[in-house]
Amino acid sequence: MTEAPVFYYRNGCHLCEELAAILFRSWPQQAEIMEWRDVDTRADWRASYGERVPVLILGNEEICALTLDLARITEYFGDRTNPV
């Protein structure tokens, strides 16, 4: 995998915190290289994602948005290091 995953989030968002915790627990290598983007720090990110966070993207592919999609994340990142 050559591109780093991108995680769009908002501070204080419980869904964002839950997905981030799962990523760090289950795919720590990916979480370490992930680009973390707070949607409230840039107007273009806020316009694109608004309240539709968390969003996990790899390349041009949206892996999941709003809810955890374990099957889809596993498809991109491989088997989990630690079960959720």
PDB file of N, CA and C in Angstrom:
ATOM      1  N   MET A   1       0.863  -1.167   0.000  1.00  0.00           N
ATOM      2  CA  MET A   1       0.000   0.000   0.000  1.00  0.00           C
ATOM      3  C   MET A   1       0.904   1.223   0.000  1.00  0.00           C
ATOM      4  N   THR A   2       0.736   2.114  -0.964  1.00  0.00           N
ATOM      5  CA  THR A   2       1.617   3.266  -1.078  1.00  0.00           C
ATOM      6  C   THR A   2       1.033   4.539  -0.491  1.00  0.00           C
ATOM      7  N   GLU A   3      -0.260   4.649  -0.484  1.00  0.00           N
ATOM      8  CA  GLU A   3      -0.896   5.858   0.033  1.00  0.00           C
ATOM      9  C   GLU A   3      -1.301   5.680   1.487  1.00  0.00           C
ATOM     10  N   ALA A   4      -1.169   6.765   2.247  1.00  0.00           N
ATOM     11  CA  ALA A   4      -1.606   6.728   3.637  1.00  0.00           C
ATOM     12  C   ALA A   4      -3.119   6.918   3.697  1.00  0.00           C
ATOM     13  N   PRO A   5      -3.780   6.201   4.579  1.00  0.00           N
ATOM     14  CA  PRO A   5      -5.207   6.426   4.765  1.00  0.00           C
ATOM     15  C   PRO A   5      -5.444   7.822   5.338  1.00  0.00           C
ATOM     16  N   VAL A   6      -6.618   8.359   5.072  1.00  0.00           N
ATOM     17  CA  VAL A   6      -7.001   9.675   5.591  1.00  0.00           C
ATOM     18  C   VAL A   6      -8.264   9.497   6.425  1.00  0.00           C
ATOM     19  N   PHE A   7      -8.247  10.072   7.613  1.00  0.00           N
ATOM     20  CA  PHE A   7      -9.366   9.971   8.538  1.00  0.00           C
ATOM     21  C   PHE A   7      -9.885  11.379   8.815  1.00  0.00           C
ATOM     22  N   TYR A   8     -11.088  11.670   8.345  1.00  0.00           N
ATOM     23  CA  TYR A   8     -11.728  12.960   8.618  1.00  0.00           C
ATOM     24  C   TYR A   8     -12.564  12.806   9.879  1.00  0.00           C
ATOM     25  N   TYR A   9     -12.376  13.728  10.815  1.00  0.00           N
ATOM     26  CA  TYR A   9     -13.048  13.640  12.100  1.00  0.00           C
ATOM     27  C   TYR A   9     -13.389  15.041  12.606  1.00  0.00           C
ATOM     28  N   ARG A  10     -14.078  15.070  13.719  1.00  0.00           N
ATOM     29  CA  ARG A  10     -14.396  16.322  14.411  1.00  0.00           C
ATOM     30  C   ARG A  10     -14.125  16.086  15.898  1.00  0.00           C
ATOM     31  N   ASN A  11     -13.438  17.017  16.523  1.00  0.00           N
ATOM     32  CA  ASN A  11     -13.195  16.922  17.961  1.00  0.00           C
ATOM     33  C   ASN A  11     -14.529  16.850  18.695  1.00  0.00           C
ATOM     34  N   GLY A  12     -14.602  15.955  19.671  1.00  0.00           N
ATOM     35  CA  GLY A  12     -15.813  15.803  20.464  1.00  0.00           C
ATOM     36  C   GLY A  12     -16.851  14.888  19.841  1.00  0.00           C
ATOM     37  N   CYS A  13     -16.593  14.367  18.670  1.00  0.00           N
ATOM     38  CA  CYS A  13     -17.528  13.458  17.985  1.00  0.00           C
ATOM     39  C   CYS A  13     -17.325  12.043  18.531  1.00  0.00           C
ATOM     40  N   HIS A  14     -18.349  11.502  19.202  1.00  0.00           N
ATOM     41  CA  HIS A  14     -18.197  10.175  19.798  1.00  0.00           C
ATOM     42  C   HIS A  14     -18.024   9.081  18.747  1.00  0.00           C
ATOM     43  N   LEU A  15     -18.660   9.218  17.594  1.00  0.00           N
ATOM     44  CA  LEU A  15     -18.482   8.229  16.525  1.00  0.00           C
ATOM     45  C   LEU A  15     -17.043   8.239  16.015  1.00  0.00           C
ATOM     46  N   CYS A  16     -16.472   9.445  15.900  1.00  0.00           N
ATOM     47  CA  CYS A  16     -15.085   9.584  15.458  1.00  0.00           C
ATOM     48  C   CYS A  16     -14.142   8.943  16.465  1.00  0.00           C
ATOM     49  N   GLU A  17     -14.382   9.198  17.744  1.00  0.00           N
ATOM     50  CA  GLU A  17     -13.545   8.633  18.799  1.00  0.00           C
ATOM     51  C   GLU A  17     -13.626   7.111  18.818  1.00  0.00           C
ATOM     52  N   GLU A  18     -14.815   6.575  18.633  1.00  0.00           N
ATOM     53  CA  GLU A  18     -14.996   5.122  18.627  1.00  0.00           C
ATOM     54  C   GLU A  18     -14.268   4.484  17.453  1.00  0.00           C
ATOM     55  N   LEU A  19     -14.407   5.052  16.257  1.00  0.00           N
ATOM     56  CA  LEU A  19     -13.740   4.483  15.093  1.00  0.00           C
ATOM     57  C   LEU A  19     -12.227   4.620  15.225  1.00  0.00           C
ATOM     58  N   ALA A  20     -11.740   5.747  15.708  1.00  0.00           N
ATOM     59  CA  ALA A  20     -10.304   5.932  15.903  1.00  0.00           C
ATOM     60  C   ALA A  20      -9.753   4.892  16.875  1.00  0.00           C
ATOM     61  N   ALA A  21     -10.468   4.629  17.966  1.00  0.00           N
ATOM     62  CA  ALA A  21     -10.019   3.635  18.946  1.00  0.00           C
ATOM     63  C   ALA A  21      -9.945   2.248  18.316  1.00  0.00           C
ATOM     64  N   ILE A  22     -10.927   1.906  17.511  1.00  0.00           N
ATOM     65  CA  ILE A  22     -10.925   0.602  16.833  1.00  0.00           C
ATOM     66  C   ILE A  22      -9.765   0.512  15.857  1.00  0.00           C
ATOM     67  N   LEU A  23      -9.506   1.580  15.122  1.00  0.00           N
ATOM     68  CA  LEU A  23      -8.385   1.576  14.179  1.00  0.00           C
ATOM     69  C   LEU A  23      -7.057   1.393  14.908  1.00  0.00           C
ATOM     70  N   PHE A  24      -6.849   2.111  16.004  1.00  0.00           N
ATOM     71  CA  PHE A  24      -5.607   1.981  16.759  1.00  0.00           C
ATOM     72  C   PHE A  24      -5.449   0.593  17.365  1.00  0.00           C
ATOM     73  N   ARG A  25      -6.553  -0.007  17.829  1.00  0.00           N
ATOM     74  CA  ARG A  25      -6.500  -1.338  18.432  1.00  0.00           C
ATOM     75  C   ARG A  25      -6.321  -2.432  17.385  1.00  0.00           C
ATOM     76  N   SER A  26      -7.048  -2.319  16.303  1.00  0.00           N
ATOM     77  CA  SER A  26      -7.120  -3.420  15.350  1.00  0.00           C
ATOM     78  C   SER A  26      -6.153  -3.316  14.178  1.00  0.00           C
ATOM     79  N   TRP A  27      -5.797  -2.114  13.798  1.00  0.00           N
ATOM     80  CA  TRP A  27      -4.867  -1.900  12.689  1.00  0.00           C
ATOM     81  C   TRP A  27      -3.846  -0.821  13.081  1.00  0.00           C
ATOM     82  N   PRO A  28      -3.036  -1.091  14.105  1.00  0.00           N
ATOM     83  CA  PRO A  28      -2.138  -0.055  14.612  1.00  0.00           C
ATOM     84  C   PRO A  28      -1.145   0.473  13.568  1.00  0.00           C
ATOM     85  N   GLN A  29      -0.695  -0.390  12.666  1.00  0.00           N
ATOM     86  CA  GLN A  29       0.245   0.066  11.639  1.00  0.00           C
ATOM     87  C   GLN A  29      -0.398   1.108  10.728  1.00  0.00           C
ATOM     88  N   GLN A  30      -1.655   0.886  10.386  1.00  0.00           N
ATOM     89  CA  GLN A  30      -2.368   1.841   9.535  1.00  0.00           C
ATOM     90  C   GLN A  30      -2.669   3.130  10.298  1.00  0.00           C
ATOM     91  N   ALA A  31      -3.068   2.999  11.549  1.00  0.00           N
ATOM     92  CA  ALA A  31      -3.384   4.180  12.358  1.00  0.00           C
ATOM     93  C   ALA A  31      -2.152   5.058  12.545  1.00  0.00           C
ATOM     94  N   GLU A  32      -0.987   4.433  12.647  1.00  0.00           N
ATOM     95  CA  GLU A  32       0.255   5.193  12.838  1.00  0.00           C
ATOM     96  C   GLU A  32       0.594   6.059  11.626  1.00  0.00           C
ATOM     97  N   ILE A  33       0.317   5.575  10.428  1.00  0.00           N
ATOM     98  CA  ILE A  33       0.669   6.335   9.216  1.00  0.00           C
ATOM     99  C   ILE A  33      -0.495   7.176   8.696  1.00  0.00           C
ATOM    100  N   MET A  34      -1.651   7.026   9.318  1.00  0.00           N
ATOM    101  CA  MET A  34      -2.859   7.707   8.871  1.00  0.00           C
ATOM    102  C   MET A  34      -2.714   9.228   8.958  1.00  0.00           C
ATOM    103  N   GLU A  35      -3.305   9.909   8.003  1.00  0.00           N
ATOM    104  CA  GLU A  35      -3.379  11.364   8.047  1.00  0.00           C
ATOM    105  C   GLU A  35      -4.691  11.730   8.717  1.00  0.00           C
ATOM    106  N   TRP A  36      -4.599  12.417   9.850  1.00  0.00           N
ATOM    107  CA  TRP A  36      -5.768  12.776  10.646  1.00  0.00           C
ATOM    108  C   TRP A  36      -6.173  14.193  10.304  1.00  0.00           C
ATOM    109  N   ARG A  37      -7.408  14.392   9.851  1.00  0.00           N
ATOM    110  CA  ARG A  37      -7.876  15.709   9.416  1.00  0.00           C
ATOM    111  C   ARG A  37      -9.132  16.123  10.174  1.00  0.00           C
ATOM    112  N   ASP A  38      -8.981  17.135  11.000  1.00  0.00           N
ATOM    113  CA  ASP A  38     -10.120  17.705  11.726  1.00  0.00           C
ATOM    114  C   ASP A  38     -10.891  18.579  10.740  1.00  0.00           C
ATOM    115  N   VAL A  39     -12.130  18.212  10.434  1.00  0.00           N
ATOM    116  CA  VAL A  39     -12.916  18.934   9.424  1.00  0.00           C
ATOM    117  C   VAL A  39     -13.155  20.390   9.787  1.00  0.00           C
ATOM    118  N   ASP A  40     -13.052  20.726  11.058  1.00  0.00           N
ATOM    119  CA  ASP A  40     -13.305  22.102  11.476  1.00  0.00           C
ATOM    120  C   ASP A  40     -12.094  23.013  11.312  1.00  0.00           C
ATOM    121  N   THR A  41     -10.963  22.468  10.843  1.00  0.00           N
ATOM    122  CA  THR A  41      -9.772  23.299  10.677  1.00  0.00           C
ATOM    123  C   THR A  41      -9.651  23.893   9.283  1.00  0.00           C
ATOM    124  N   ARG A  42     -10.468  23.416   8.349  1.00  0.00           N
ATOM    125  CA  ARG A  42     -10.430  23.956   6.985  1.00  0.00           C
ATOM    126  C   ARG A  42     -11.842  24.045   6.420  1.00  0.00           C
ATOM    127  N   ALA A  43     -12.136  25.148   5.798  1.00  0.00           N
ATOM    128  CA  ALA A  43     -13.478  25.377   5.247  1.00  0.00           C
ATOM    129  C   ALA A  43     -13.830  24.353   4.171  1.00  0.00           C
ATOM    130  N   ASP A  44     -12.868  23.958   3.331  1.00  0.00           N
ATOM    131  CA  ASP A  44     -13.169  22.992   2.267  1.00  0.00           C
ATOM    132  C   ASP A  44     -13.495  21.615   2.833  1.00  0.00           C
ATOM    133  N   TRP A  45     -12.804  21.214   3.906  1.00  0.00           N
ATOM    134  CA  TRP A  45     -13.133  19.931   4.530  1.00  0.00           C
ATOM    135  C   TRP A  45     -14.494  19.998   5.200  1.00  0.00           C
ATOM    136  N   ARG A  46     -14.772  21.107   5.861  1.00  0.00           N
ATOM    137  CA  ARG A  46     -16.074  21.278   6.526  1.00  0.00           C
ATOM    138  C   ARG A  46     -17.194  21.269   5.493  1.00  0.00           C
ATOM    139  N   ALA A  47     -16.961  21.924   4.334  1.00  0.00           N
ATOM    140  CA  ALA A  47     -17.967  21.949   3.270  1.00  0.00           C
ATOM    141  C   ALA A  47     -18.183  20.551   2.678  1.00  0.00           C
ATOM    142  N   SER A  48     -17.109  19.800   2.534  1.00  0.00           N
ATOM    143  CA  SER A  48     -17.210  18.460   1.938  1.00  0.00           C
ATOM    144  C   SER A  48     -17.840  17.441   2.870  1.00  0.00           C
ATOM    145  N   TYR A  49     -17.507  17.506   4.165  1.00  0.00           N
ATOM    146  CA  TYR A  49     -17.924  16.459   5.086  1.00  0.00           C
ATOM    147  C   TYR A  49     -18.936  16.907   6.133  1.00  0.00           C
ATOM    148  N   GLY A  50     -18.950  18.189   6.466  1.00  0.00           N
ATOM    149  CA  GLY A  50     -19.935  18.723   7.398  1.00  0.00           C
ATOM    150  C   GLY A  50     -20.146  17.852   8.610  1.00  0.00           C
ATOM    151  N   GLU A  51     -21.365  17.373   8.771  1.00  0.00           N
ATOM    152  CA  GLU A  51     -21.715  16.511   9.899  1.00  0.00           C
ATOM    153  C   GLU A  51     -21.516  15.035   9.573  1.00  0.00           C
ATOM    154  N   ARG A  52     -21.056  14.727   8.371  1.00  0.00           N
ATOM    155  CA  ARG A  52     -20.910  13.342   7.917  1.00  0.00           C
ATOM    156  C   ARG A  52     -19.520  12.794   8.275  1.00  0.00           C
ATOM    157  N   VAL A  53     -19.212  12.792   9.547  1.00  0.00           N
ATOM    158  CA  VAL A  53     -17.947  12.238  10.017  1.00  0.00           C
ATOM    159  C   VAL A  53     -18.238  11.152  11.043  1.00  0.00           C
ATOM    160  N   PRO A  54     -17.376  10.202  11.235  1.00  0.00           N
ATOM    161  CA  PRO A  54     -16.061  10.052  10.649  1.00  0.00           C
ATOM    162  C   PRO A  54     -16.126   9.520   9.216  1.00  0.00           C
ATOM    163  N   VAL A  55     -15.081   9.832   8.463  1.00  0.00           N
ATOM    164  CA  VAL A  55     -14.932   9.317   7.113  1.00  0.00           C
ATOM    165  C   VAL A  55     -13.506   8.790   6.993  1.00  0.00           C
ATOM    166  N   LEU A  56     -13.373   7.577   6.500  1.00  0.00           N
ATOM    167  CA  LEU A  56     -12.075   6.949   6.289  1.00  0.00           C
ATOM    168  C   LEU A  56     -11.889   6.751   4.796  1.00  0.00           C
ATOM    169  N   ILE A  57     -10.774   7.286   4.274  1.00  0.00           N
ATOM    170  CA  ILE A  57     -10.518   7.256   2.833  1.00  0.00           C
ATOM    171  C   ILE A  57      -9.132   6.674   2.579  1.00  0.00           C
ATOM    172  N   LEU A  58      -9.013   5.905   1.515  1.00  0.00           N
ATOM    173  CA  LEU A  58      -7.724   5.414   1.059  1.00  0.00           C
ATOM    174  C   LEU A  58      -7.660   5.657  -0.434  1.00  0.00           C
ATOM    175  N   GLY A  59      -6.727   6.510  -0.847  1.00  0.00           N
ATOM    176  CA  GLY A  59      -6.651   6.895  -2.252  1.00  0.00           C
ATOM    177  C   GLY A  59      -7.906   7.647  -2.634  1.00  0.00           C
ATOM    178  N   ASN A  60      -8.595   7.168  -3.637  1.00  0.00           N
ATOM    179  CA  ASN A  60      -9.855   7.777  -4.068  1.00  0.00           C
ATOM    180  C   ASN A  60     -11.073   7.026  -3.546  1.00  0.00           C
ATOM    181  N   GLU A  61     -10.834   6.031  -2.697  1.00  0.00           N
ATOM    182  CA  GLU A  61     -11.916   5.177  -2.205  1.00  0.00           C
ATOM    183  C   GLU A  61     -12.350   5.582  -0.806  1.00  0.00           C
ATOM    184  N   GLU A  62     -13.638   5.799  -0.632  1.00  0.00           N
ATOM    185  CA  GLU A  62     -14.195   6.002   0.699  1.00  0.00           C
ATOM    186  C   GLU A  62     -14.455   4.628   1.295  1.00  0.00           C
ATOM    187  N   ILE A  63     -13.722   4.307   2.350  1.00  0.00           N
ATOM    188  CA  ILE A  63     -13.834   2.994   2.961  1.00  0.00           C
ATOM    189  C   ILE A  63     -15.076   2.921   3.837  1.00  0.00           C
ATOM    190  N   CYS A  64     -15.282   3.928   4.667  1.00  0.00           N
ATOM    191  CA  CYS A  64     -16.507   3.981   5.453  1.00  0.00           C
ATOM    192  C   CYS A  64     -16.764   5.411   5.911  1.00  0.00           C
ATOM    193  N   ALA A  65     -18.023   5.685   6.195  1.00  0.00           N
ATOM    194  CA  ALA A  65     -18.446   7.007   6.662  1.00  0.00           C
ATOM    195  C   ALA A  65     -19.557   6.815   7.680  1.00  0.00           C
ATOM    196  N   LEU A  66     -19.502   7.608   8.731  1.00  0.00           N
ATOM    197  CA  LEU A  66     -20.497   7.617   9.804  1.00  0.00           C
ATOM    198  C   LEU A  66     -20.492   6.374  10.676  1.00  0.00           C
ATOM    199  N   THR A  67     -20.400   5.213  10.078  1.00  0.00           N
ATOM    200  CA  THR A  67     -20.441   3.983  10.856  1.00  0.00           C
ATOM    201  C   THR A  67     -19.263   3.091  10.509  1.00  0.00           C
ATOM    202  N   LEU A  68     -18.941   2.230  11.419  1.00  0.00           N
ATOM    203  CA  LEU A  68     -17.872   1.262  11.242  1.00  0.00           C
ATOM    204  C   LEU A  68     -18.315   0.198  10.241  1.00  0.00           C
ATOM    205  N   ASP A  69     -17.469  -0.067   9.264  1.00  0.00           N
ATOM    206  CA  ASP A  69     -17.718  -1.148   8.316  1.00  0.00           C
ATOM    207  C   ASP A  69     -16.503  -2.074   8.376  1.00  0.00           C
ATOM    208  N   LEU A  70     -16.542  -3.025   9.320  1.00  0.00           N
ATOM    209  CA  LEU A  70     -15.394  -3.914   9.531  1.00  0.00           C
ATOM    210  C   LEU A  70     -15.007  -4.697   8.285  1.00  0.00           C
ATOM    211  N   ALA A  71     -15.986  -5.172   7.563  1.00  0.00           N
ATOM    212  CA  ALA A  71     -15.690  -5.957   6.363  1.00  0.00           C
ATOM    213  C   ALA A  71     -14.927  -5.118   5.340  1.00  0.00           C
ATOM    214  N   ARG A  72     -15.372  -3.910   5.146  1.00  0.00           N
ATOM    215  CA  ARG A  72     -14.721  -3.042   4.155  1.00  0.00           C
ATOM    216  C   ARG A  72     -13.324  -2.612   4.618  1.00  0.00           C
ATOM    217  N   ILE A  73     -13.167  -2.273   5.898  1.00  0.00           N
ATOM    218  CA  ILE A  73     -11.850  -1.896   6.409  1.00  0.00           C
ATOM    219  C   ILE A  73     -10.897  -3.077   6.295  1.00  0.00           C
ATOM    220  N   THR A  74     -11.361  -4.264   6.635  1.00  0.00           N
ATOM    221  CA  THR A  74     -10.535  -5.463   6.535  1.00  0.00           C
ATOM    222  C   THR A  74     -10.138  -5.733   5.091  1.00  0.00           C
ATOM    223  N   GLU A  75     -11.030  -5.452   4.173  1.00  0.00           N
ATOM    224  CA  GLU A  75     -10.732  -5.622   2.746  1.00  0.00           C
ATOM    225  C   GLU A  75      -9.518  -4.779   2.344  1.00  0.00           C
ATOM    226  N   TYR A  76      -9.400  -3.585   2.891  1.00  0.00           N
ATOM    227  CA  TYR A  76      -8.304  -2.681   2.542  1.00  0.00           C
ATOM    228  C   TYR A  76      -7.065  -2.875   3.418  1.00  0.00           C
ATOM    229  N   PHE A  77      -7.252  -3.100   4.722  1.00  0.00           N
ATOM    230  CA  PHE A  77      -6.134  -3.128   5.655  1.00  0.00           C
ATOM    231  C   PHE A  77      -5.679  -4.534   6.040  1.00  0.00           C
ATOM    232  N   GLY A  78      -6.457  -5.547   5.701  1.00  0.00           N
ATOM    233  CA  GLY A  78      -6.116  -6.912   6.076  1.00  0.00           C
ATOM    234  C   GLY A  78      -6.726  -7.279   7.418  1.00  0.00           C
ATOM    235  N   ASP A  79      -6.396  -8.483   7.877  1.00  0.00           N
ATOM    236  CA  ASP A  79      -6.962  -8.974   9.138  1.00  0.00           C
ATOM    237  C   ASP A  79      -6.540  -8.108  10.302  1.00  0.00           C
ATOM    238  N   ARG A  80      -7.391  -8.060  11.298  1.00  0.00           N
ATOM    239  CA  ARG A  80      -7.145  -7.250  12.479  1.00  0.00           C
ATOM    240  C   ARG A  80      -6.042  -7.838  13.349  1.00  0.00           C
ATOM    241  N   THR A  81      -5.251  -6.951  13.924  1.00  0.00           N
ATOM    242  CA  THR A  81      -4.227  -7.356  14.877  1.00  0.00           C
ATOM    243  C   THR A  81      -4.863  -7.831  16.165  1.00  0.00           C
ATOM    244  N   ASN A  82      -5.843  -7.069  16.653  1.00  0.00           N
ATOM    245  CA  ASN A  82      -6.587  -7.387  17.875  1.00  0.00           C
ATOM    246  C   ASN A  82      -8.063  -7.320  17.544  1.00  0.00           C
ATOM    247  N   PRO A  83      -8.860  -8.265  17.997  1.00  0.00           N
ATOM    248  CA  PRO A  83     -10.290  -8.217  17.713  1.00  0.00           C
ATOM    249  C   PRO A  83     -10.958  -6.999  18.346  1.00  0.00           C
ATOM    250  N   VAL A  84     -12.006  -6.530  17.690  1.00  0.00           N
ATOM    251  CA  VAL A  84     -12.755  -5.372  18.170  1.00  0.00           C
ATOM    252  C   VAL A  84     -13.621  -5.759  19.326  1.00  0.00           C
TER     253      VAL A  84
END
